[in-house]
């Protein structure tokens, strides 16, 4: 794989990555020793979380994926425990295939306490699309406003 196979345009954080400009970490079948070297470089990387969130938001299981992102192999990035250990959370869930599922109170708390700038990051953490998170944030804001108006009307 060459640098032309890497995502273009590159995300803003790319220039700060420990692997910036180095394509030796992109391999079809790396040895265990090579994986360990990549993992060590990723562990010390200042943009590790950004890299992982980008991988979770953009990679598709059917596409050829980069060997190592944020210290996790392509297979490990599908494991919620491994992803949550890097993100420092327990809320990330794998993206589900065209299924409807309920929003949990924890999901709502995360979304309601954030702004539209956080939608992409929250989408990756929750395994949802950015659009779904934005729609849920707007819905939660409308519900909160309606509850506030109802309380004001009851008080007067």
Protein backbone atom coordinates (compact mmCIF):
# COMPACT_ATOMS: atom_id res chain seq x y z
CA UNK A 1 0.00 0.00 0.00
CA UNK A 2 1.25 3.48 -0.81
CA UNK A 3 0.50 6.92 0.60
CA UNK A 4 -2.03 7.38 -2.22
CA UNK A 5 -4.10 4.57 -0.64
CA UNK A 6 -4.45 6.53 2.58
CA UNK A 7 -7.54 8.70 3.23
CA UNK A 8 -7.62 11.94 1.27
CA UNK A 9 -8.08 14.63 2.35
CA UNK A 10 -6.34 13.82 5.58
CA UNK A 11 -8.05 14.78 8.85
CA UNK A 12 -6.64 17.82 10.70
CA UNK A 13 -5.10 15.67 13.43
CA UNK A 14 -3.13 13.59 10.91
CA UNK A 15 -0.05 15.84 10.95
CA UNK A 16 0.36 15.32 14.71
CA UNK A 17 0.15 11.52 14.49
CA UNK A 18 3.21 9.46 15.46
CA UNK A 19 2.92 7.69 12.09
CA UNK A 20 2.48 10.82 9.92
CA UNK A 21 4.26 10.36 6.61
CA UNK A 22 5.26 6.77 7.43
CA UNK A 23 3.47 4.00 5.54
CA UNK A 24 5.43 1.06 6.92
CA UNK A 25 2.64 0.46 9.44
CA UNK A 26 0.17 -0.32 6.64
CA UNK A 27 0.69 -3.95 5.72
CA UNK A 28 -1.42 -6.86 4.54
CA UNK A 29 0.10 -9.49 6.83
CA UNK A 30 2.38 -8.02 9.48
CA UNK A 31 4.32 -10.29 11.80
CA UNK A 32 3.65 -10.33 15.53
CA UNK A 33 6.84 -8.30 16.08
CA UNK A 34 5.70 -5.66 13.56
CA UNK A 35 2.29 -5.46 15.22
CA UNK A 36 3.94 -4.94 18.59
CA UNK A 37 6.13 -2.12 17.19
CA UNK A 38 3.07 -0.44 15.68
CA UNK A 39 1.11 -0.85 18.92
CA UNK A 40 3.91 0.79 20.94
CA UNK A 41 4.06 3.75 18.55
CA UNK A 42 0.28 4.16 18.71
CA UNK A 43 0.16 3.94 22.50
CA UNK A 44 2.42 6.99 22.80
CA UNK A 45 0.67 8.92 20.00
CA UNK A 46 -0.85 12.28 21.01
CA UNK A 47 -3.83 11.88 18.67
CA UNK A 48 -4.69 8.26 19.50
CA UNK A 49 -8.33 8.90 20.40
CA UNK A 50 -8.89 11.07 17.29
CA UNK A 51 -7.39 8.32 15.15
CA UNK A 52 -9.67 5.69 16.66
CA UNK A 53 -12.78 7.84 16.36
CA UNK A 54 -11.91 8.51 12.72
CA UNK A 55 -11.44 4.78 12.08
CA UNK A 56 -14.76 3.93 13.74
CA UNK A 57 -16.59 6.63 11.79
CA UNK A 58 -15.11 5.93 8.37
CA UNK A 59 -14.09 2.29 8.07
CA UNK A 60 -16.51 -0.26 6.69
CA UNK A 61 -16.10 -3.98 7.41
CA UNK A 62 -16.27 -4.85 3.70
CA UNK A 63 -13.40 -2.50 2.79
CA UNK A 64 -9.72 -3.21 3.15
CA UNK A 65 -8.80 -1.62 6.44
CA UNK A 66 -5.57 -0.16 7.78
CA UNK A 67 -3.62 -2.67 9.87
CA UNK A 68 -3.20 -0.55 12.99
CA UNK A 69 -5.20 2.44 14.18
CA UNK A 70 -4.83 3.85 17.71
CA UNK A 71 -2.99 0.72 18.81
CA UNK A 72 -5.79 -1.61 17.70
CA UNK A 73 -5.79 -4.02 14.79
CA UNK A 74 -8.72 -4.06 12.37
CA UNK A 75 -10.22 -7.04 14.24
CA UNK A 76 -9.74 -5.39 17.65
CA UNK A 77 -11.56 -2.27 16.45
CA UNK A 78 -14.72 -4.40 16.26
CA UNK A 79 -14.40 -5.39 19.93
CA UNK A 80 -16.28 -2.97 22.24
CA UNK A 81 -14.03 -3.73 25.22
CA UNK A 82 -10.85 -2.90 23.27
CA UNK A 83 -12.37 0.29 21.82
CA UNK A 84 -13.70 1.42 25.20
CA UNK A 85 -10.28 0.88 26.79
CA UNK A 86 -8.73 3.37 24.33
CA UNK A 87 -11.62 5.84 24.60
CA UNK A 88 -11.68 5.62 28.38
CA UNK A 89 -15.42 4.99 28.37
CA UNK A 90 -17.90 2.15 28.52
CA UNK A 91 -20.48 3.67 26.19
CA UNK A 92 -19.16 2.77 22.72
CA UNK A 93 -21.22 0.16 20.94
CA UNK A 94 -20.55 -1.42 17.54
CA UNK A 95 -22.54 -0.01 14.66
CA UNK A 96 -25.57 -2.14 13.96
CA UNK A 97 -26.73 -3.02 10.47
CA UNK A 98 -29.87 -1.11 9.45
CA UNK A 99 -31.69 -1.86 12.66
CA UNK A 100 -33.67 0.40 14.93
CA UNK A 101 -32.77 0.21 18.56
CA UNK A 102 -33.71 2.24 21.56
CA UNK A 103 -31.71 5.14 22.87
CA UNK A 104 -30.57 4.48 26.42
CA UNK A 105 -30.67 7.09 29.21
CA UNK A 106 -26.85 7.08 29.13
CA UNK A 107 -26.94 7.87 25.39
CA UNK A 108 -29.35 10.74 26.03
CA UNK A 109 -27.21 12.10 28.86
CA UNK A 110 -24.10 12.10 26.66
CA UNK A 111 -25.91 13.78 23.76
CA UNK A 112 -27.90 16.32 25.79
CA UNK A 113 -24.76 17.55 27.53
CA UNK A 114 -22.94 18.27 24.28
CA UNK A 115 -23.10 20.67 21.36
CA UNK A 116 -23.41 20.12 17.62
CA UNK A 117 -19.60 20.24 17.38
CA UNK A 118 -19.50 16.98 19.35
CA UNK A 119 -21.97 15.07 17.14
CA UNK A 120 -19.30 13.26 15.10
CA UNK A 121 -17.38 12.15 18.19
CA UNK A 122 -20.58 11.07 19.97
CA UNK A 123 -21.70 9.16 16.88
CA UNK A 124 -18.48 7.18 16.85
CA UNK A 125 -18.70 6.50 20.59
CA UNK A 126 -22.32 5.34 20.35
CA UNK A 127 -21.96 3.42 17.08
CA UNK A 128 -24.53 5.67 15.39
CA UNK A 129 -24.51 7.98 12.42
CA UNK A 130 -23.75 11.66 12.94
CA UNK A 131 -27.17 12.50 11.54
CA UNK A 132 -28.94 10.23 14.05
CA UNK A 133 -27.05 11.85 16.94
CA UNK A 134 -27.85 15.36 15.66
CA UNK A 135 -31.54 14.47 15.30
CA UNK A 136 -31.61 13.00 18.80
CA UNK A 137 -29.88 16.11 20.25
CA UNK A 138 -32.53 18.36 18.62
CA UNK A 139 -35.33 16.10 19.88
CA UNK A 140 -33.94 16.16 23.43
CA UNK A 141 -33.68 19.98 23.31
CA UNK A 142 -37.33 20.24 22.18
CA UNK A 143 -38.47 17.89 24.95
CA UNK A 144 -36.52 19.88 27.54
CA UNK A 145 -38.01 23.16 26.27
CA UNK A 146 -41.55 21.72 26.33
CA UNK A 147 -41.03 20.49 29.90
CA UNK A 148 -39.70 23.92 30.93
CA UNK A 149 -42.71 25.70 29.36
CA UNK A 150 -45.09 23.28 31.06
CA UNK A 151 -43.46 23.96 34.44
CA UNK A 152 -43.66 27.72 33.89
CA UNK A 153 -47.35 27.47 32.95
CA UNK A 154 -48.09 25.35 36.04
CA UNK A 155 -46.25 27.84 38.26
CA UNK A 156 -48.25 30.86 37.00
